[in-house]
């Protein structure tokens, strides 16, 4: 997976019937041209043309570096 990363998008939804707040997450695969992201970084990704079967996003910028 050279130049590829997997990120997680978190969101909070409300249950339609019980109105309980649920935490949901989605995994997205994005293109990292310079291999500059590490585990724990918060990044901003944007949609792009499909680069592979699962990779449809590309890295825009690193918002905050993670702790290692």
PDB file of N, CA and C in Angstrom:
ATOM      1  N   UNK A   1       0.827  -1.195   0.000  1.00  0.00           N
ATOM      2  CA  UNK A   1       0.000   0.000   0.000  1.00  0.00           C
ATOM      3  C   UNK A   1       0.863   1.246   0.000  1.00  0.00           C
ATOM      4  N   UNK A   2       1.760   1.338  -0.941  1.00  0.00           N
ATOM      5  CA  UNK A   2       2.578   2.528  -1.082  1.00  0.00           C
ATOM      6  C   UNK A   2       1.714   3.677  -1.594  1.00  0.00           C
ATOM      7  N   UNK A   3       1.827   4.835  -0.953  1.00  0.00           N
ATOM      8  CA  UNK A   3       1.075   6.049  -1.285  1.00  0.00           C
ATOM      9  C   UNK A   3      -0.424   5.907  -1.012  1.00  0.00           C
ATOM     10  N   UNK A   4      -0.814   4.966  -0.177  1.00  0.00           N
ATOM     11  CA  UNK A   4      -2.219   4.770   0.173  1.00  0.00           C
ATOM     12  C   UNK A   4      -2.369   4.742   1.684  1.00  0.00           C
ATOM     13  N   UNK A   5      -3.440   5.318   2.156  1.00  0.00           N
ATOM     14  CA  UNK A   5      -3.729   5.322   3.584  1.00  0.00           C
ATOM     15  C   UNK A   5      -5.216   5.025   3.782  1.00  0.00           C
ATOM     16  N   UNK A   6      -5.547   4.528   4.966  1.00  0.00           N
ATOM     17  CA  UNK A   6      -6.932   4.277   5.337  1.00  0.00           C
ATOM     18  C   UNK A   6      -7.261   5.186   6.504  1.00  0.00           C
ATOM     19  N   UNK A   7      -8.345   5.942   6.369  1.00  0.00           N
ATOM     20  CA  UNK A   7      -8.774   6.851   7.422  1.00  0.00           C
ATOM     21  C   UNK A   7     -10.168   6.502   7.899  1.00  0.00           C
ATOM     22  N   UNK A   8     -10.542   7.100   9.012  1.00  0.00           N
ATOM     23  CA  UNK A   8     -11.861   6.851   9.592  1.00  0.00           C
ATOM     24  C   UNK A   8     -12.595   8.173   9.726  1.00  0.00           C
ATOM     25  N   UNK A   9     -13.825   8.207   9.251  1.00  0.00           N
ATOM     26  CA  UNK A   9     -14.684   9.374   9.361  1.00  0.00           C
ATOM     27  C   UNK A   9     -15.712   9.075  10.440  1.00  0.00           C
ATOM     28  N   UNK A  10     -15.700   9.850  11.523  1.00  0.00           N
ATOM     29  CA  UNK A  10     -16.636   9.663  12.633  1.00  0.00           C
ATOM     30  C   UNK A  10     -17.799  10.631  12.511  1.00  0.00           C
ATOM     31  N   UNK A  11     -18.980  10.173  12.915  1.00  0.00           N
ATOM     32  CA  UNK A  11     -20.155  11.031  12.917  1.00  0.00           C
ATOM     33  C   UNK A  11     -21.093  10.567  14.021  1.00  0.00           C
ATOM     34  N   UNK A  12     -21.975  11.445  14.432  1.00  0.00           N
ATOM     35  CA  UNK A  12     -22.961  11.121  15.459  1.00  0.00           C
ATOM     36  C   UNK A  12     -24.341  11.230  14.824  1.00  0.00           C
ATOM     37  N   UNK A  13     -25.120  10.161  14.916  1.00  0.00           N
ATOM     38  CA  UNK A  13     -26.471  10.131  14.375  1.00  0.00           C
ATOM     39  C   UNK A  13     -27.461   9.952  15.509  1.00  0.00           C
ATOM     40  N   UNK A  14     -28.690  10.379  15.261  1.00  0.00           N
ATOM     41  CA  UNK A  14     -29.754  10.183  16.228  1.00  0.00           C
ATOM     42  C   UNK A  14     -30.650   9.048  15.746  1.00  0.00           C
ATOM     43  N   UNK A  15     -30.979   8.125  16.647  1.00  0.00           N
ATOM     44  CA  UNK A  15     -31.843   7.006  16.310  1.00  0.00           C
ATOM     45  C   UNK A  15     -33.242   7.539  16.005  1.00  0.00           C
ATOM     46  N   UNK A  16     -33.860   7.010  14.940  1.00  0.00           N
ATOM     47  CA  UNK A  16     -35.154   7.542  14.504  1.00  0.00           C
ATOM     48  C   UNK A  16     -36.268   7.297  15.509  1.00  0.00           C
ATOM     49  N   UNK A  17     -36.210   6.175  16.178  1.00  0.00           N
ATOM     50  CA  UNK A  17     -37.304   5.843  17.073  1.00  0.00           C
ATOM     51  C   UNK A  17     -37.019   6.200  18.530  1.00  0.00           C
ATOM     52  N   UNK A  18     -35.815   5.899  18.985  1.00  0.00           N
ATOM     53  CA  UNK A  18     -35.499   6.081  20.404  1.00  0.00           C
ATOM     54  C   UNK A  18     -34.741   7.371  20.701  1.00  0.00           C
ATOM     55  N   UNK A  19     -34.361   8.106  19.680  1.00  0.00           N
ATOM     56  CA  UNK A  19     -33.697   9.404  19.797  1.00  0.00           C
ATOM     57  C   UNK A  19     -32.397   9.344  20.588  1.00  0.00           C
ATOM     58  N   UNK A  20     -31.784   8.194  20.610  1.00  0.00           N
ATOM     59  CA  UNK A  20     -30.501   8.043  21.271  1.00  0.00           C
ATOM     60  C   UNK A  20     -29.398   8.431  20.295  1.00  0.00           C
ATOM     61  N   UNK A  21     -28.347   9.072  20.783  1.00  0.00           N
ATOM     62  CA  UNK A  21     -27.226   9.463  19.936  1.00  0.00           C
ATOM     63  C   UNK A  21     -26.303   8.271  19.758  1.00  0.00           C
ATOM     64  N   UNK A  22     -26.008   7.937  18.500  1.00  0.00           N
ATOM     65  CA  UNK A  22     -25.176   6.802  18.161  1.00  0.00           C
ATOM     66  C   UNK A  22     -23.916   7.294  17.471  1.00  0.00           C
ATOM     67  N   UNK A  23     -22.796   6.722  17.833  1.00  0.00           N
ATOM     68  CA  UNK A  23     -21.534   7.067  17.188  1.00  0.00           C
ATOM     69  C   UNK A  23     -21.276   6.072  16.070  1.00  0.00           C
ATOM     70  N   UNK A  24     -21.149   6.566  14.857  1.00  0.00           N
ATOM     71  CA  UNK A  24     -20.907   5.740  13.679  1.00  0.00           C
ATOM     72  C   UNK A  24     -19.576   6.146  13.056  1.00  0.00           C
ATOM     73  N   UNK A  25     -18.951   5.219  12.340  1.00  0.00           N
ATOM     74  CA  UNK A  25     -17.703   5.533  11.652  1.00  0.00           C
ATOM     75  C   UNK A  25     -17.682   4.824  10.305  1.00  0.00           C
ATOM     76  N   UNK A  26     -16.951   5.408   9.367  1.00  0.00           N
ATOM     77  CA  UNK A  26     -16.793   4.868   8.033  1.00  0.00           C
ATOM     78  C   UNK A  26     -15.310   4.897   7.681  1.00  0.00           C
ATOM     79  N   UNK A  27     -14.818   3.808   7.121  1.00  0.00           N
ATOM     80  CA  UNK A  27     -13.427   3.755   6.692  1.00  0.00           C
ATOM     81  C   UNK A  27     -13.344   4.200   5.237  1.00  0.00           C
ATOM     82  N   UNK A  28     -12.425   5.107   4.942  1.00  0.00           N
ATOM     83  CA  UNK A  28     -12.193   5.556   3.572  1.00  0.00           C
ATOM     84  C   UNK A  28     -10.711   5.391   3.258  1.00  0.00           C
ATOM     85  N   UNK A  29     -10.426   5.063   2.024  1.00  0.00           N
ATOM     86  CA  UNK A  29      -9.050   4.919   1.572  1.00  0.00           C
ATOM     87  C   UNK A  29      -8.699   6.153   0.753  1.00  0.00           C
ATOM     88  N   UNK A  30      -7.530   6.766   1.031  1.00  0.00           N
ATOM     89  CA  UNK A  30      -7.148   7.973   0.314  1.00  0.00           C
ATOM     90  C   UNK A  30      -5.712   7.891  -0.171  1.00  0.00           C
ATOM     91  N   UNK A  31      -5.386   8.728  -1.147  1.00  0.00           N
ATOM     92  CA  UNK A  31      -4.074   8.753  -1.794  1.00  0.00           C
ATOM     93  C   UNK A  31      -3.184   9.757  -1.085  1.00  0.00           C
ATOM     94  N   UNK A  32      -2.007   9.319  -0.668  1.00  0.00           N
ATOM     95  CA  UNK A  32      -1.012  10.164  -0.009  1.00  0.00           C
ATOM     96  C   UNK A  32       0.247  10.129  -0.865  1.00  0.00           C
ATOM     97  N   UNK A  33       0.426  11.123  -1.711  1.00  0.00           N
ATOM     98  CA  UNK A  33       1.491  11.115  -2.718  1.00  0.00           C
ATOM     99  C   UNK A  33       2.889  11.035  -2.109  1.00  0.00           C
ATOM    100  N   UNK A  34       3.136  11.776  -1.021  1.00  0.00           N
ATOM    101  CA  UNK A  34       4.486  11.847  -0.451  1.00  0.00           C
ATOM    102  C   UNK A  34       4.686  10.958   0.765  1.00  0.00           C
ATOM    103  N   UNK A  35       3.724  10.120   1.104  1.00  0.00           N
ATOM    104  CA  UNK A  35       3.797   9.251   2.283  1.00  0.00           C
ATOM    105  C   UNK A  35       4.129  10.036   3.541  1.00  0.00           C
ATOM    106  N   UNK A  36       3.435  11.157   3.749  1.00  0.00           N
ATOM    107  CA  UNK A  36       3.767  12.031   4.869  1.00  0.00           C
ATOM    108  C   UNK A  36       2.860  11.859   6.081  1.00  0.00           C
ATOM    109  N   UNK A  37       1.793  11.082   5.986  1.00  0.00           N
ATOM    110  CA  UNK A  37       0.905  10.893   7.134  1.00  0.00           C
ATOM    111  C   UNK A  37       1.360   9.705   7.962  1.00  0.00           C
ATOM    112  N   UNK A  38       1.087   9.798   9.256  1.00  0.00           N
ATOM    113  CA  UNK A  38       1.420   8.731  10.200  1.00  0.00           C
ATOM    114  C   UNK A  38       0.161   8.338  10.956  1.00  0.00           C
ATOM    115  N   UNK A  39       0.252   7.329  11.791  1.00  0.00           N
ATOM    116  CA  UNK A  39      -0.876   6.861  12.593  1.00  0.00           C
ATOM    117  C   UNK A  39      -1.243   7.936  13.608  1.00  0.00           C
ATOM    118  N   UNK A  40      -2.519   8.271  13.681  1.00  0.00           N
ATOM    119  CA  UNK A  40      -3.001   9.245  14.646  1.00  0.00           C
ATOM    120  C   UNK A  40      -3.136  10.657  14.105  1.00  0.00           C
ATOM    121  N   UNK A  41      -2.709  10.922  12.889  1.00  0.00           N
ATOM    122  CA  UNK A  41      -2.839  12.257  12.293  1.00  0.00           C
ATOM    123  C   UNK A  41      -4.287  12.536  11.945  1.00  0.00           C
ATOM    124  N   UNK A  42      -4.690  13.792  12.111  1.00  0.00           N
ATOM    125  CA  UNK A  42      -5.994  14.224  11.624  1.00  0.00           C
ATOM    126  C   UNK A  42      -5.764  14.920  10.293  1.00  0.00           C
ATOM    127  N   UNK A  43      -6.455  14.456   9.262  1.00  0.00           N
ATOM    128  CA  UNK A  43      -6.210  14.944   7.909  1.00  0.00           C
ATOM    129  C   UNK A  43      -7.498  15.459   7.287  1.00  0.00           C
ATOM    130  N   UNK A  44      -7.340  16.224   6.244  1.00  0.00           N
ATOM    131  CA  UNK A  44      -8.454  16.717   5.448  1.00  0.00           C
ATOM    132  C   UNK A  44      -8.325  16.087   4.074  1.00  0.00           C
ATOM    133  N   UNK A  45      -9.350  15.338   3.661  1.00  0.00           N
ATOM    134  CA  UNK A  45      -9.325  14.656   2.371  1.00  0.00           C
ATOM    135  C   UNK A  45     -10.408  15.244   1.474  1.00  0.00           C
ATOM    136  N   UNK A  46     -10.211  15.106   0.189  1.00  0.00           N
ATOM    137  CA  UNK A  46     -11.178  15.580  -0.786  1.00  0.00           C
ATOM    138  C   UNK A  46     -11.450  14.462  -1.784  1.00  0.00           C
ATOM    139  N   UNK A  47     -12.627  14.457  -2.348  1.00  0.00           N
ATOM    140  CA  UNK A  47     -12.957  13.422  -3.322  1.00  0.00           C
ATOM    141  C   UNK A  47     -12.209  13.695  -4.631  1.00  0.00           C
ATOM    142  N   UNK A  48     -11.855  12.639  -5.309  1.00  0.00           N
ATOM    143  CA  UNK A  48     -11.129  12.753  -6.566  1.00  0.00           C
ATOM    144  C   UNK A  48     -11.618  11.659  -7.502  1.00  0.00           C
ATOM    145  N   UNK A  49     -10.999  11.562  -8.628  1.00  0.00           N
ATOM    146  CA  UNK A  49     -11.374  10.507  -9.569  1.00  0.00           C
ATOM    147  C   UNK A  49     -10.947   9.168  -8.969  1.00  0.00           C
ATOM    148  N   UNK A  50     -11.589   8.094  -9.348  1.00  0.00           N
ATOM    149  CA  UNK A  50     -11.201   6.789  -8.794  1.00  0.00           C
ATOM    150  C   UNK A  50      -9.780   6.416  -9.201  1.00  0.00           C
ATOM    151  N   UNK A  51      -8.913   6.225  -8.204  1.00  0.00           N
ATOM    152  CA  UNK A  51      -7.527   5.848  -8.456  1.00  0.00           C
ATOM    153  C   UNK A  51      -7.336   4.339  -8.411  1.00  0.00           C
ATOM    154  N   UNK A  52      -8.253   3.642  -7.768  1.00  0.00           N
ATOM    155  CA  UNK A  52      -8.267   2.182  -7.755  1.00  0.00           C
ATOM    156  C   UNK A  52      -9.694   1.756  -7.430  1.00  0.00           C
ATOM    157  N   UNK A  53      -9.875   0.486  -7.132  1.00  0.00           N
ATOM    158  CA  UNK A  53     -11.221  -0.018  -6.861  1.00  0.00           C
ATOM    159  C   UNK A  53     -11.798   0.576  -5.582  1.00  0.00           C
ATOM    160  N   UNK A  54     -10.949   0.846  -4.573  1.00  0.00           N
ATOM    161  CA  UNK A  54     -11.447   1.365  -3.294  1.00  0.00           C
ATOM    162  C   UNK A  54     -10.971   2.781  -2.990  1.00  0.00           C
ATOM    163  N   UNK A  55     -10.005   3.290  -3.734  1.00  0.00           N
ATOM    164  CA  UNK A  55      -9.398   4.588  -3.421  1.00  0.00           C
ATOM    165  C   UNK A  55     -10.015   5.687  -4.279  1.00  0.00           C
ATOM    166  N   UNK A  56     -10.859   6.512  -3.648  1.00  0.00           N
ATOM    167  CA  UNK A  56     -11.562   7.567  -4.372  1.00  0.00           C
ATOM    168  C   UNK A  56     -11.381   8.933  -3.725  1.00  0.00           C
ATOM    169  N   UNK A  57     -10.439   9.068  -2.790  1.00  0.00           N
ATOM    170  CA  UNK A  57     -10.157  10.324  -2.110  1.00  0.00           C
ATOM    171  C   UNK A  57      -8.669  10.605  -2.176  1.00  0.00           C
ATOM    172  N   UNK A  58      -8.309  11.877  -2.018  1.00  0.00           N
ATOM    173  CA  UNK A  58      -6.897  12.237  -1.979  1.00  0.00           C
ATOM    174  C   UNK A  58      -6.662  13.195  -0.815  1.00  0.00           C
ATOM    175  N   UNK A  59      -5.435  13.205  -0.318  1.00  0.00           N
ATOM    176  CA  UNK A  59      -5.058  14.005   0.834  1.00  0.00           C
ATOM    177  C   UNK A  59      -4.981  15.471   0.432  1.00  0.00           C
ATOM    178  N   UNK A  60      -5.646  16.345   1.187  1.00  0.00           N
ATOM    179  CA  UNK A  60      -5.578  17.776   0.940  1.00  0.00           C
ATOM    180  C   UNK A  60      -4.545  18.410   1.849  1.00  0.00           C
ATOM    181  N   UNK A  61      -4.638  18.165   3.165  1.00  0.00           N
ATOM    182  CA  UNK A  61      -3.627  18.663   4.091  1.00  0.00           C
ATOM    183  C   UNK A  61      -3.739  17.911   5.413  1.00  0.00           C
ATOM    184  N   UNK A  62      -2.676  18.008   6.200  1.00  0.00           N
ATOM    185  CA  UNK A  62      -2.651  17.425   7.531  1.00  0.00           C
ATOM    186  C   UNK A  62      -3.076  18.502   8.505  1.00  0.00           C
ATOM    187  N   UNK A  63      -4.176  18.275   9.213  1.00  0.00           N
ATOM    188  CA  UNK A  63      -4.714  19.270  10.143  1.00  0.00           C
ATOM    189  C   UNK A  63      -3.911  19.290  11.434  1.00  0.00           C
ATOM    190  N   UNK A  64      -3.688  18.084  12.000  1.00  0.00           N
ATOM    191  CA  UNK A  64      -2.944  18.001  13.254  1.00  0.00           C
ATOM    192  C   UNK A  64      -2.149  16.707  13.278  1.00  0.00           C
ATOM    193  N   UNK A  65      -0.895  16.787  13.697  1.00  0.00           N
ATOM    194  CA  UNK A  65      -0.051  15.615  13.825  1.00  0.00           C
ATOM    195  C   UNK A  65      -0.447  14.814  15.049  1.00  0.00           C
ATOM    196  N   UNK A  66      -0.367  13.504  14.945  1.00  0.00           N
ATOM    197  CA  UNK A  66      -0.683  12.631  16.063  1.00  0.00           C
ATOM    198  C   UNK A  66       0.507  12.436  16.980  1.00  0.00           C
ATOM    199  N   UNK A  67       0.257  11.856  18.136  1.00  0.00           N
ATOM    200  CA  UNK A  67       1.327  11.576  19.084  1.00  0.00           C
ATOM    201  C   UNK A  67       1.816  10.164  18.887  1.00  0.00           C
ATOM    202  N   UNK A  68       3.117   9.985  18.836  1.00  0.00           N
ATOM    203  CA  UNK A  68       3.694   8.636  18.723  1.00  0.00           C
ATOM    204  C   UNK A  68       4.717   8.438  19.780  1.00  0.00           C
TER     205      UNK A  68
END
